[in-house]
Amino acid sequence: MAVLDLILRIAWPVLALFFALGAVFALAFVSRGAGRVDADARGATLGFRVAIFPGCVALWPWLLGRWLAAKRRGGDLSSEGRQT
């Protein structure tokens, strides 16, 4: 059990830091970034923003990459990879 205790002592703080950073990121992303990454999210309601918040917390590294890519391209990425 000592190995499991060691793993948990390392994993819990790492997970706590990951989700704390995710919560801070998600606050910024749902207020500003979502509309820049996806045009459909522009002008979204408060209910929509509350609904996407948990996903933004969990997926913040990927969303940060998408947000930065949209910023570099000067627009949104909403049409990237979609087939019509």
C-alpha atoms as a PDB file:
ATOM      1  CA  MET A   1       0.000   0.000   0.000  1.00  0.00           C
ATOM      2  CA  ALA A   2       2.975   2.325   0.394  1.00  0.00           C
ATOM      3  CA  VAL A   3       3.305   2.638  -3.380  1.00  0.00           C
ATOM      4  CA  LEU A   4      -0.363   3.554  -3.744  1.00  0.00           C
ATOM      5  CA  ASP A   5      -0.016   6.157  -0.980  1.00  0.00           C
ATOM      6  CA  LEU A   6       2.968   7.668  -2.761  1.00  0.00           C
ATOM      7  CA  ILE A   7       1.104   7.791  -6.062  1.00  0.00           C
ATOM      8  CA  LEU A   8      -1.886   9.466  -4.425  1.00  0.00           C
ATOM      9  CA  ARG A   9       0.304  11.991  -2.628  1.00  0.00           C
ATOM     10  CA  ILE A  10       1.718  13.026  -5.982  1.00  0.00           C
ATOM     11  CA  ALA A  11      -1.445  12.714  -8.088  1.00  0.00           C
ATOM     12  CA  TRP A  12      -3.838  14.738  -5.910  1.00  0.00           C
ATOM     13  CA  PRO A  13      -1.794  17.961  -5.893  1.00  0.00           C
ATOM     14  CA  VAL A  14      -1.117  17.623  -9.621  1.00  0.00           C
ATOM     15  CA  LEU A  15      -4.816  17.139 -10.362  1.00  0.00           C
ATOM     16  CA  ALA A  16      -5.748  19.991  -8.038  1.00  0.00           C
ATOM     17  CA  LEU A  17      -3.323  22.309  -9.833  1.00  0.00           C
ATOM     18  CA  PHE A  18      -4.595  21.170 -13.243  1.00  0.00           C
ATOM     19  CA  PHE A  19      -8.214  21.901 -12.348  1.00  0.00           C
ATOM     20  CA  ALA A  20      -7.383  25.166 -10.555  1.00  0.00           C
ATOM     21  CA  LEU A  21      -5.596  26.411 -13.668  1.00  0.00           C
ATOM     22  CA  GLY A  22      -8.507  25.103 -15.716  1.00  0.00           C
ATOM     23  CA  ALA A  23     -11.020  27.084 -13.661  1.00  0.00           C
ATOM     24  CA  VAL A  24      -9.062  30.305 -14.100  1.00  0.00           C
ATOM     25  CA  PHE A  25      -8.696  29.653 -17.816  1.00  0.00           C
ATOM     26  CA  ALA A  26     -12.378  28.742 -18.187  1.00  0.00           C
ATOM     27  CA  LEU A  27     -13.487  32.054 -16.678  1.00  0.00           C
ATOM     28  CA  ALA A  28     -11.513  33.924 -19.317  1.00  0.00           C
ATOM     29  CA  PHE A  29     -12.452  31.547 -22.112  1.00  0.00           C
ATOM     30  CA  VAL A  30     -16.208  31.564 -21.592  1.00  0.00           C
ATOM     31  CA  SER A  31     -16.233  35.351 -21.357  1.00  0.00           C
ATOM     32  CA  ARG A  32     -13.927  36.143 -24.299  1.00  0.00           C
ATOM     33  CA  GLY A  33     -12.331  33.162 -26.002  1.00  0.00           C
ATOM     34  CA  ALA A  34     -15.306  31.041 -27.011  1.00  0.00           C
ATOM     35  CA  GLY A  35     -16.525  33.638 -29.491  1.00  0.00           C
ATOM     36  CA  ARG A  36     -13.081  33.895 -31.033  1.00  0.00           C
ATOM     37  CA  VAL A  37     -12.694  30.152 -31.460  1.00  0.00           C
ATOM     38  CA  ASP A  38     -16.220  29.527 -32.747  1.00  0.00           C
ATOM     39  CA  ALA A  39     -18.380  32.142 -34.452  1.00  0.00           C
ATOM     40  CA  ASP A  40     -21.539  30.368 -33.246  1.00  0.00           C
ATOM     41  CA  ALA A  41     -20.539  31.168 -29.657  1.00  0.00           C
ATOM     42  CA  ARG A  42     -20.471  34.914 -30.263  1.00  0.00           C
ATOM     43  CA  GLY A  43     -23.229  36.634 -28.340  1.00  0.00           C
ATOM     44  CA  ALA A  44     -24.046  33.428 -26.473  1.00  0.00           C
ATOM     45  CA  THR A  45     -26.356  33.540 -23.483  1.00  0.00           C
ATOM     46  CA  LEU A  46     -25.270  33.217 -19.880  1.00  0.00           C
ATOM     47  CA  GLY A  47     -26.869  29.758 -19.780  1.00  0.00           C
ATOM     48  CA  PHE A  48     -24.661  28.595 -22.643  1.00  0.00           C
ATOM     49  CA  ARG A  49     -21.564  29.946 -20.953  1.00  0.00           C
ATOM     50  CA  VAL A  50     -22.460  28.225 -17.674  1.00  0.00           C
ATOM     51  CA  ALA A  51     -23.094  24.981 -19.547  1.00  0.00           C
ATOM     52  CA  ILE A  52     -19.693  24.958 -21.268  1.00  0.00           C
ATOM     53  CA  PHE A  53     -17.746  25.985 -18.151  1.00  0.00           C
ATOM     54  CA  PRO A  54     -17.098  22.434 -16.794  1.00  0.00           C
ATOM     55  CA  GLY A  55     -15.899  21.239 -20.176  1.00  0.00           C
ATOM     56  CA  CYS A  56     -13.601  24.234 -20.469  1.00  0.00           C
ATOM     57  CA  VAL A  57     -12.116  23.433 -17.064  1.00  0.00           C
ATOM     58  CA  ALA A  58     -11.381  19.850 -18.099  1.00  0.00           C
ATOM     59  CA  LEU A  59     -10.206  20.584 -21.646  1.00  0.00           C
ATOM     60  CA  TRP A  60      -8.318  23.814 -21.014  1.00  0.00           C
ATOM     61  CA  PRO A  61      -4.961  22.811 -22.571  1.00  0.00           C
ATOM     62  CA  TRP A  62      -6.629  21.933 -25.877  1.00  0.00           C
ATOM     63  CA  LEU A  63      -8.883  25.005 -25.816  1.00  0.00           C
ATOM     64  CA  LEU A  64      -5.927  27.249 -25.043  1.00  0.00           C
ATOM     65  CA  GLY A  65      -4.226  25.926 -28.162  1.00  0.00           C
ATOM     66  CA  ARG A  66      -7.344  26.580 -30.232  1.00  0.00           C
ATOM     67  CA  TRP A  67      -7.679  30.097 -28.811  1.00  0.00           C
ATOM     68  CA  LEU A  68      -4.047  30.933 -29.559  1.00  0.00           C
ATOM     69  CA  ALA A  69      -4.355  29.524 -33.086  1.00  0.00           C
ATOM     70  CA  ALA A  70      -7.423  31.674 -33.719  1.00  0.00           C
ATOM     71  CA  LYS A  71      -5.574  34.694 -32.384  1.00  0.00           C
ATOM     72  CA  ARG A  72      -2.596  34.021 -34.703  1.00  0.00           C
ATOM     73  CA  ARG A  73      -4.860  33.695 -37.722  1.00  0.00           C
ATOM     74  CA  GLY A  74      -6.785  36.819 -36.832  1.00  0.00           C
ATOM     75  CA  GLY A  75     -10.172  35.157 -36.936  1.00  0.00           C
ATOM     76  CA  ASP A  76     -12.157  32.225 -35.725  1.00  0.00           C
ATOM     77  CA  LEU A  77     -11.504  28.561 -36.368  1.00  0.00           C
ATOM     78  CA  SER A  78     -15.146  27.582 -36.525  1.00  0.00           C
ATOM     79  CA  SER A  79     -15.015  26.480 -40.163  1.00  0.00           C
ATOM     80  CA  GLU A  80     -11.717  24.618 -39.819  1.00  0.00           C
ATOM     81  CA  GLY A  81     -12.185  20.901 -40.326  1.00  0.00           C
ATOM     82  CA  ARG A  82     -15.927  21.058 -40.907  1.00  0.00           C
ATOM     83  CA  GLN A  83     -17.502  19.444 -43.880  1.00  0.00           C
ATOM     84  CA  THR A  84     -20.603  20.987 -45.349  1.00  0.00           C
END
